[in-house]
Amino acid sequence: MLRQSTNAGRRSAVMTGVLLIVGLVTGICSVVPVIDGANYLVEASTNENQVRIGAFFQLLMVVAYVGIPIWLYPILSKHHKGLALGSVAFGIIAGVFIIIGVITLLLLLTVSHEFAKLGTLHVSYFQILGGLLREGRDLVNHVATTLAFVLAMFLFTCVFYQTKLVPRWLSVWGLIGSTLSISASLFFMVRFIGLDATYMTLNIPIAFQQLVLAIWLIMKGFNSTKQD
């Protein structure tokens, strides 16, 4: 039984590590520069492949964001069922918001195609509609999705800290990074900052912590003496 438990813990650790890396990679690949530019109504349709590839990778993020807390649940629930369940719930919420973000991105592409067909006719209409969709996408991606997933991370990191399933320094780094990332999303929501260098700087610590945590889980796994 002990060996089976250890093997299951090792499997969960490796899968969680892999999904953390998948989340980082798909997050980077889901960036669509043409949508963020000033001339996005024209450039989105002329760079349709870039938009669709970004949407595809953003959709793949659902696997990581939902999968991470689910793979961790069997281990974490032994120590704190409430925090483990909360982490899964926030992960699923993040997945739903990701799908909404993908739909919004594809709607922006549709608006861009219609704008290209009609030319200068009804320019203000397309500008208003496109602006609303782009604003909505930013709020979904950088506020709703980020807050949900980072809260999921914060909860399972609390369990890590309490149980020492991973080194304490890695848990503390995760708690601090999560807090900074949550702050970045809230500051952006109230327009205290934009999607600028400050926003990126506040999110760098949690991104690097995810990478280090992923490597640790793949290479070392959980502390075997703390799994039961």
C-alpha atoms as a PDB file:
ATOM      1  CA  MET A   1       0.000   0.000   0.000  1.00  0.00           C
ATOM      2  CA  LEU A   2       2.835   2.388   0.870  1.00  0.00           C
ATOM      3  CA  ARG A   3       4.527   1.689  -2.446  1.00  0.00           C
ATOM      4  CA  GLN A   4       1.274   2.276  -4.348  1.00  0.00           C
ATOM      5  CA  SER A   5       0.765   5.568  -2.502  1.00  0.00           C
ATOM      6  CA  THR A   6       4.331   6.623  -3.287  1.00  0.00           C
ATOM      7  CA  ASN A   7       3.914   5.736  -6.962  1.00  0.00           C
ATOM      8  CA  ALA A   8       0.633   7.661  -7.150  1.00  0.00           C
ATOM      9  CA  GLY A   9       2.281  10.660  -5.503  1.00  0.00           C
ATOM     10  CA  ARG A  10       5.183  10.484  -7.937  1.00  0.00           C
ATOM     11  CA  ARG A  11       2.771  10.315 -10.881  1.00  0.00           C
ATOM     12  CA  SER A  12       0.810  13.319  -9.593  1.00  0.00           C
ATOM     13  CA  ALA A  13       4.023  15.297  -9.079  1.00  0.00           C
ATOM     14  CA  VAL A  14       5.316  14.614 -12.606  1.00  0.00           C
ATOM     15  CA  MET A  15       1.970  15.349 -14.264  1.00  0.00           C
ATOM     16  CA  THR A  16       1.591  18.566 -12.270  1.00  0.00           C
ATOM     17  CA  GLY A  17       5.092  19.620 -13.297  1.00  0.00           C
ATOM     18  CA  VAL A  18       4.401  18.879 -16.948  1.00  0.00           C
ATOM     19  CA  LEU A  19       1.102  20.792 -16.850  1.00  0.00           C
ATOM     20  CA  LEU A  20       2.786  23.791 -15.195  1.00  0.00           C
ATOM     21  CA  ILE A  21       5.230  23.925 -18.108  1.00  0.00           C
ATOM     22  CA  VAL A  22       2.388  23.433 -20.608  1.00  0.00           C
ATOM     23  CA  GLY A  23       0.568  26.362 -18.974  1.00  0.00           C
ATOM     24  CA  LEU A  24       3.609  28.626 -19.301  1.00  0.00           C
ATOM     25  CA  VAL A  25       4.348  27.641 -22.908  1.00  0.00           C
ATOM     26  CA  THR A  26       0.738  27.904 -24.105  1.00  0.00           C
ATOM     27  CA  GLY A  27       0.389  31.216 -22.291  1.00  0.00           C
ATOM     28  CA  ILE A  28       3.349  32.637 -24.216  1.00  0.00           C
ATOM     29  CA  CYS A  29       2.173  31.162 -27.531  1.00  0.00           C
ATOM     30  CA  SER A  30      -1.350  32.528 -27.034  1.00  0.00           C
ATOM     31  CA  VAL A  31      -0.148  36.137 -27.250  1.00  0.00           C
ATOM     32  CA  VAL A  32      -1.546  37.819 -30.389  1.00  0.00           C
ATOM     33  CA  PRO A  33       0.397  41.059 -31.058  1.00  0.00           C
ATOM     34  CA  VAL A  34      -1.830  42.155 -33.970  1.00  0.00           C
ATOM     35  CA  ILE A  35      -4.828  42.414 -31.636  1.00  0.00           C
ATOM     36  CA  ASP A  36      -2.934  44.659 -29.240  1.00  0.00           C
ATOM     37  CA  GLY A  37      -1.791  47.121 -31.928  1.00  0.00           C
ATOM     38  CA  ALA A  38      -3.513  50.396 -32.772  1.00  0.00           C
ATOM     39  CA  ASN A  39      -4.467  49.187 -36.261  1.00  0.00           C
ATOM     40  CA  TYR A  40      -5.941  45.878 -35.050  1.00  0.00           C
ATOM     41  CA  LEU A  41      -9.142  46.143 -37.111  1.00  0.00           C
ATOM     42  CA  VAL A  42      -7.086  45.916 -40.306  1.00  0.00           C
ATOM     43  CA  GLU A  43      -4.225  43.716 -39.146  1.00  0.00           C
ATOM     44  CA  ALA A  44      -6.320  40.980 -37.517  1.00  0.00           C
ATOM     45  CA  SER A  45      -7.898  39.894 -40.804  1.00  0.00           C
ATOM     46  CA  THR A  46      -4.626  40.156 -42.750  1.00  0.00           C
ATOM     47  CA  ASN A  47      -2.903  38.062 -40.075  1.00  0.00           C
ATOM     48  CA  GLU A  48      -5.714  35.577 -39.558  1.00  0.00           C
ATOM     49  CA  ASN A  49      -3.369  32.619 -39.014  1.00  0.00           C
ATOM     50  CA  GLN A  50      -1.656  34.413 -36.127  1.00  0.00           C
ATOM     51  CA  VAL A  51      -5.021  35.048 -34.480  1.00  0.00           C
ATOM     52  CA  ARG A  52      -6.197  31.460 -34.937  1.00  0.00           C
ATOM     53  CA  ILE A  53      -2.921  30.017 -33.673  1.00  0.00           C
ATOM     54  CA  GLY A  54      -3.162  32.273 -30.617  1.00  0.00           C
ATOM     55  CA  ALA A  55      -6.735  31.090 -30.036  1.00  0.00           C
ATOM     56  CA  PHE A  56      -5.642  27.452 -30.365  1.00  0.00           C
ATOM     57  CA  PHE A  57      -2.868  27.783 -27.790  1.00  0.00           C
ATOM     58  CA  GLN A  58      -5.145  29.748 -25.477  1.00  0.00           C
ATOM     59  CA  LEU A  59      -7.644  26.907 -25.651  1.00  0.00           C
ATOM     60  CA  LEU A  60      -4.869  24.435 -24.739  1.00  0.00           C
ATOM     61  CA  MET A  61      -4.334  26.448 -21.559  1.00  0.00           C
ATOM     62  CA  VAL A  62      -7.617  24.973 -20.292  1.00  0.00           C
ATOM     63  CA  VAL A  63      -5.930  21.566 -20.033  1.00  0.00           C
ATOM     64  CA  ALA A  64      -3.196  22.998 -17.822  1.00  0.00           C
ATOM     65  CA  TYR A  65      -5.256  25.368 -15.703  1.00  0.00           C
ATOM     66  CA  VAL A  66      -7.939  22.791 -14.928  1.00  0.00           C
ATOM     67  CA  GLY A  67      -5.611  19.794 -14.854  1.00  0.00           C
ATOM     68  CA  ILE A  68      -3.077  21.106 -12.324  1.00  0.00           C
ATOM     69  CA  PRO A  69      -5.398  21.323  -9.291  1.00  0.00           C
ATOM     70  CA  ILE A  70      -7.168  18.108 -10.319  1.00  0.00           C
ATOM     71  CA  TRP A  71      -3.907  16.151 -10.388  1.00  0.00           C
ATOM     72  CA  LEU A  72      -2.921  17.674  -7.053  1.00  0.00           C
ATOM     73  CA  TYR A  73      -6.256  16.978  -5.370  1.00  0.00           C
ATOM     74  CA  PRO A  74      -5.649  13.334  -4.301  1.00  0.00           C
ATOM     75  CA  ILE A  75      -2.437  14.361  -2.516  1.00  0.00           C
ATOM     76  CA  LEU A  76      -3.607  17.683  -1.065  1.00  0.00           C
ATOM     77  CA  SER A  77      -7.012  16.433   0.106  1.00  0.00           C
ATOM     78  CA  LYS A  78      -5.279  14.113   2.573  1.00  0.00           C
ATOM     79  CA  HIS A  79      -3.969  17.187   4.375  1.00  0.00           C
ATOM     80  CA  HIS A  80      -6.596  19.878   3.809  1.00  0.00           C
ATOM     81  CA  LYS A  81      -9.681  18.866   1.837  1.00  0.00           C
ATOM     82  CA  GLY A  82     -11.208  22.362   1.876  1.00  0.00           C
ATOM     83  CA  LEU A  83      -8.181  24.097   0.325  1.00  0.00           C
ATOM     84  CA  ALA A  84      -7.733  21.254  -2.187  1.00  0.00           C
ATOM     85  CA  LEU A  85     -11.377  21.469  -3.256  1.00  0.00           C
ATOM     86  CA  GLY A  86     -11.194  25.265  -3.470  1.00  0.00           C
ATOM     87  CA  SER A  87      -8.141  24.988  -5.701  1.00  0.00           C
ATOM     88  CA  VAL A  88     -10.005  22.646  -8.076  1.00  0.00           C
ATOM     89  CA  ALA A  89     -13.017  24.988  -8.136  1.00  0.00           C
ATOM     90  CA  PHE A  90     -10.895  28.036  -9.024  1.00  0.00           C
ATOM     91  CA  GLY A  91      -9.046  25.994 -11.664  1.00  0.00           C
ATOM     92  CA  ILE A  92     -12.338  25.081 -13.343  1.00  0.00           C
ATOM     93  CA  ILE A  93     -13.494  28.716 -13.165  1.00  0.00           C
ATOM     94  CA  ALA A  94     -10.225  29.771 -14.822  1.00  0.00           C
ATOM     95  CA  GLY A  95     -10.862  27.218 -17.580  1.00  0.00           C
ATOM     96  CA  VAL A  96     -14.325  28.670 -18.247  1.00  0.00           C
ATOM     97  CA  PHE A  97     -12.905  32.189 -18.489  1.00  0.00           C
ATOM     98  CA  ILE A  98     -10.219  30.984 -20.903  1.00  0.00           C
ATOM     99  CA  ILE A  99     -12.928  29.653 -23.221  1.00  0.00           C
ATOM    100  CA  ILE A 100     -14.747  32.996 -23.005  1.00  0.00           C
ATOM    101  CA  GLY A 101     -11.468  34.720 -23.895  1.00  0.00           C
ATOM    102  CA  VAL A 102     -11.037  32.480 -26.963  1.00  0.00           C
ATOM    103  CA  ILE A 103     -14.588  33.213 -28.116  1.00  0.00           C
ATOM    104  CA  THR A 104     -13.969  36.960 -27.724  1.00  0.00           C
ATOM    105  CA  LEU A 105     -10.744  36.710 -29.738  1.00  0.00           C
ATOM    106  CA  LEU A 106     -12.525  34.926 -32.595  1.00  0.00           C
ATOM    107  CA  LEU A 107     -15.317  37.520 -32.497  1.00  0.00           C
ATOM    108  CA  LEU A 108     -12.664  40.208 -32.910  1.00  0.00           C
ATOM    109  CA  LEU A 109     -11.392  38.354 -35.968  1.00  0.00           C
ATOM    110  CA  THR A 110     -14.924  38.291 -37.403  1.00  0.00           C
ATOM    111  CA  VAL A 111     -15.315  42.039 -36.813  1.00  0.00           C
ATOM    112  CA  SER A 112     -11.972  42.608 -38.555  1.00  0.00           C
ATOM    113  CA  HIS A 113     -13.126  40.612 -41.605  1.00  0.00           C
ATOM    114  CA  GLU A 114     -16.359  42.620 -41.809  1.00  0.00           C
ATOM    115  CA  PHE A 115     -14.411  45.855 -41.475  1.00  0.00           C
ATOM    116  CA  ALA A 116     -12.147  44.788 -44.368  1.00  0.00           C
ATOM    117  CA  LYS A 117     -15.192  44.087 -46.564  1.00  0.00           C
ATOM    118  CA  LEU A 118     -16.943  47.399 -45.922  1.00  0.00           C
ATOM    119  CA  GLY A 119     -13.859  49.606 -45.964  1.00  0.00           C
ATOM    120  CA  THR A 120     -14.417  53.090 -44.551  1.00  0.00           C
ATOM    121  CA  LEU A 121     -18.170  52.603 -44.303  1.00  0.00           C
ATOM    122  CA  HIS A 122     -19.432  52.702 -40.691  1.00  0.00           C
ATOM    123  CA  VAL A 123     -15.882  53.119 -39.344  1.00  0.00           C
ATOM    124  CA  SER A 124     -17.060  54.460 -35.991  1.00  0.00           C
ATOM    125  CA  TYR A 125     -19.381  51.469 -35.531  1.00  0.00           C
ATOM    126  CA  PHE A 126     -16.548  48.993 -36.041  1.00  0.00           C
ATOM    127  CA  GLN A 127     -14.221  51.008 -33.823  1.00  0.00           C
ATOM    128  CA  ILE A 128     -16.740  50.995 -30.967  1.00  0.00           C
ATOM    129  CA  LEU A 129     -17.551  47.293 -31.362  1.00  0.00           C
ATOM    130  CA  GLY A 130     -13.905  46.313 -31.747  1.00  0.00           C
ATOM    131  CA  GLY A 131     -12.905  48.443 -28.780  1.00  0.00           C
ATOM    132  CA  LEU A 132     -15.535  46.832 -26.566  1.00  0.00           C
ATOM    133  CA  LEU A 133     -14.484  43.336 -27.598  1.00  0.00           C
ATOM    134  CA  ARG A 134     -10.813  44.088 -27.068  1.00  0.00           C
ATOM    135  CA  GLU A 135     -11.509  45.655 -23.683  1.00  0.00           C
ATOM    136  CA  GLY A 136     -13.635  42.667 -22.718  1.00  0.00           C
ATOM    137  CA  ARG A 137     -10.894  40.272 -23.808  1.00  0.00           C
ATOM    138  CA  ASP A 138      -8.297  42.106 -21.717  1.00  0.00           C
ATOM    139  CA  LEU A 139     -10.525  41.971 -18.645  1.00  0.00           C
ATOM    140  CA  VAL A 140     -11.308  38.284 -19.147  1.00  0.00           C
ATOM    141  CA  ASN A 141      -7.682  37.287 -19.780  1.00  0.00           C
ATOM    142  CA  HIS A 142      -5.812  39.551 -17.376  1.00  0.00           C
ATOM    143  CA  VAL A 143      -8.348  39.907 -14.571  1.00  0.00           C
ATOM    144  CA  ALA A 144     -10.892  37.065 -14.460  1.00  0.00           C
ATOM    145  CA  THR A 145      -8.725  34.193 -15.733  1.00  0.00           C
ATOM    146  CA  THR A 146      -5.569  35.303 -13.950  1.00  0.00           C
ATOM    147  CA  LEU A 147      -7.323  35.897 -10.632  1.00  0.00           C
ATOM    148  CA  ALA A 148      -9.069  32.517 -10.758  1.00  0.00           C
ATOM    149  CA  PHE A 149      -5.951  30.512 -11.592  1.00  0.00           C
ATOM    150  CA  VAL A 150      -3.631  32.400  -9.259  1.00  0.00           C
ATOM    151  CA  LEU A 151      -6.132  31.894  -6.435  1.00  0.00           C
ATOM    152  CA  ALA A 152      -6.064  28.173  -7.249  1.00  0.00           C
ATOM    153  CA  MET A 153      -2.263  28.313  -7.038  1.00  0.00           C
ATOM    154  CA  PHE A 154      -2.386  30.287  -3.796  1.00  0.00           C
ATOM    155  CA  LEU A 155      -4.617  27.662  -2.161  1.00  0.00           C
ATOM    156  CA  PHE A 156      -2.523  24.651  -3.120  1.00  0.00           C
ATOM    157  CA  THR A 157       0.646  26.526  -2.212  1.00  0.00           C
ATOM    158  CA  CYS A 158      -0.798  27.098   1.263  1.00  0.00           C
ATOM    159  CA  VAL A 159      -1.077  23.320   1.609  1.00  0.00           C
ATOM    160  CA  PHE A 160       2.489  22.937   0.318  1.00  0.00           C
ATOM    161  CA  TYR A 161       3.668  25.391   2.963  1.00  0.00           C
ATOM    162  CA  GLN A 162       1.778  23.688   5.794  1.00  0.00           C
ATOM    163  CA  THR A 163       2.851  20.151   4.873  1.00  0.00           C
ATOM    164  CA  LYS A 164       6.342  20.695   3.408  1.00  0.00           C
ATOM    165  CA  LEU A 165       5.423  18.546   0.393  1.00  0.00           C
ATOM    166  CA  VAL A 166       7.874  20.821  -1.427  1.00  0.00           C
ATOM    167  CA  PRO A 167      10.621  22.954   0.186  1.00  0.00           C
ATOM    168  CA  ARG A 168       9.361  25.842   2.298  1.00  0.00           C
ATOM    169  CA  TRP A 169      11.373  28.408   0.291  1.00  0.00           C
ATOM    170  CA  LEU A 170       9.543  27.334  -2.861  1.00  0.00           C
ATOM    171  CA  SER A 171       6.167  27.644  -1.127  1.00  0.00           C
ATOM    172  CA  VAL A 172       7.002  31.106   0.283  1.00  0.00           C
ATOM    173  CA  TRP A 173       8.105  32.209  -3.189  1.00  0.00           C
ATOM    174  CA  GLY A 174       4.777  30.965  -4.563  1.00  0.00           C
ATOM    175  CA  LEU A 175       2.726  32.769  -1.915  1.00  0.00           C
ATOM    176  CA  ILE A 176       4.560  36.044  -2.514  1.00  0.00           C
ATOM    177  CA  GLY A 177       4.385  35.642  -6.295  1.00  0.00           C
ATOM    178  CA  SER A 178       0.664  34.841  -6.166  1.00  0.00           C
ATOM    179  CA  THR A 179       0.001  37.916  -4.041  1.00  0.00           C
ATOM    180  CA  LEU A 180       1.905  40.138  -6.485  1.00  0.00           C
ATOM    181  CA  SER A 181       0.069  38.642  -9.462  1.00  0.00           C
ATOM    182  CA  ILE A 182      -3.318  39.135  -7.785  1.00  0.00           C
ATOM    183  CA  SER A 183      -2.330  42.736  -7.063  1.00  0.00           C
ATOM    184  CA  ALA A 184      -1.371  43.256 -10.721  1.00  0.00           C
ATOM    185  CA  SER A 185      -4.790  42.048 -11.918  1.00  0.00           C
ATOM    186  CA  LEU A 186      -6.655  44.185  -9.384  1.00  0.00           C
ATOM    187  CA  PHE A 187      -4.546  47.257 -10.230  1.00  0.00           C
ATOM    188  CA  PHE A 188      -5.264  46.686 -13.929  1.00  0.00           C
ATOM    189  CA  MET A 189      -8.988  46.230 -13.249  1.00  0.00           C
ATOM    190  CA  VAL A 190      -9.235  49.638 -11.553  1.00  0.00           C
ATOM    191  CA  ARG A 191      -6.940  51.146 -14.226  1.00  0.00           C
ATOM    192  CA  PHE A 192      -4.202  52.020 -11.728  1.00  0.00           C
ATOM    193  CA  ILE A 193      -1.822  50.361 -14.194  1.00  0.00           C
ATOM    194  CA  GLY A 194      -2.121  49.170 -17.785  1.00  0.00           C
ATOM    195  CA  LEU A 195      -0.759  46.107 -19.567  1.00  0.00           C
ATOM    196  CA  ASP A 196       2.681  47.643 -19.276  1.00  0.00           C
ATOM    197  CA  ALA A 197       6.074  47.040 -17.705  1.00  0.00           C
ATOM    198  CA  THR A 198       4.642  47.359 -14.189  1.00  0.00           C
ATOM    199  CA  TYR A 199       2.042  44.675 -14.866  1.00  0.00           C
ATOM    200  CA  MET A 200       4.669  42.372 -16.341  1.00  0.00           C
ATOM    201  CA  THR A 201       7.087  42.984 -13.461  1.00  0.00           C
ATOM    202  CA  LEU A 202       4.448  42.054 -10.886  1.00  0.00           C
ATOM    203  CA  ASN A 203       3.785  38.775 -12.729  1.00  0.00           C
ATOM    204  CA  ILE A 204       7.414  37.745 -13.270  1.00  0.00           C
ATOM    205  CA  PRO A 205       7.941  36.207  -9.781  1.00  0.00           C
ATOM    206  CA  ILE A 206       5.002  33.766 -10.080  1.00  0.00           C
ATOM    207  CA  ALA A 207       5.990  32.815 -13.645  1.00  0.00           C
ATOM    208  CA  PHE A 208       9.518  31.869 -12.573  1.00  0.00           C
ATOM    209  CA  GLN A 209       8.172  30.127  -9.465  1.00  0.00           C
ATOM    210  CA  GLN A 210       5.900  28.014 -11.680  1.00  0.00           C
ATOM    211  CA  LEU A 211       8.894  27.021 -13.792  1.00  0.00           C
ATOM    212  CA  VAL A 212      11.080  26.150 -10.798  1.00  0.00           C
ATOM    213  CA  LEU A 213       8.207  24.283  -9.123  1.00  0.00           C
ATOM    214  CA  ALA A 214       7.579  22.335 -12.328  1.00  0.00           C
ATOM    215  CA  ILE A 215      11.221  21.289 -12.604  1.00  0.00           C
ATOM    216  CA  TRP A 216      11.318  20.368  -8.897  1.00  0.00           C
ATOM    217  CA  LEU A 217       8.195  18.205  -9.131  1.00  0.00           C
ATOM    218  CA  ILE A 218       9.422  16.421 -12.259  1.00  0.00           C
ATOM    219  CA  MET A 219      12.923  15.821 -10.896  1.00  0.00           C
ATOM    220  CA  LYS A 220      12.296  15.373  -7.162  1.00  0.00           C
ATOM    221  CA  GLY A 221       8.568  14.823  -6.695  1.00  0.00           C
ATOM    222  CA  PHE A 222       6.829  15.418  -3.377  1.00  0.00           C
ATOM    223  CA  ASN A 223       8.496  14.872  -0.034  1.00  0.00           C
ATOM    224  CA  SER A 224       7.668  11.188   0.406  1.00  0.00           C
ATOM    225  CA  THR A 225       7.528  11.428   4.213  1.00  0.00           C
ATOM    226  CA  LYS A 226       4.739  14.034   3.976  1.00  0.00           C
ATOM    227  CA  GLN A 227       2.412  12.358   1.470  1.00  0.00           C
ATOM    228  CA  ASP A 228       0.469  10.161   3.922  1.00  0.00           C
END
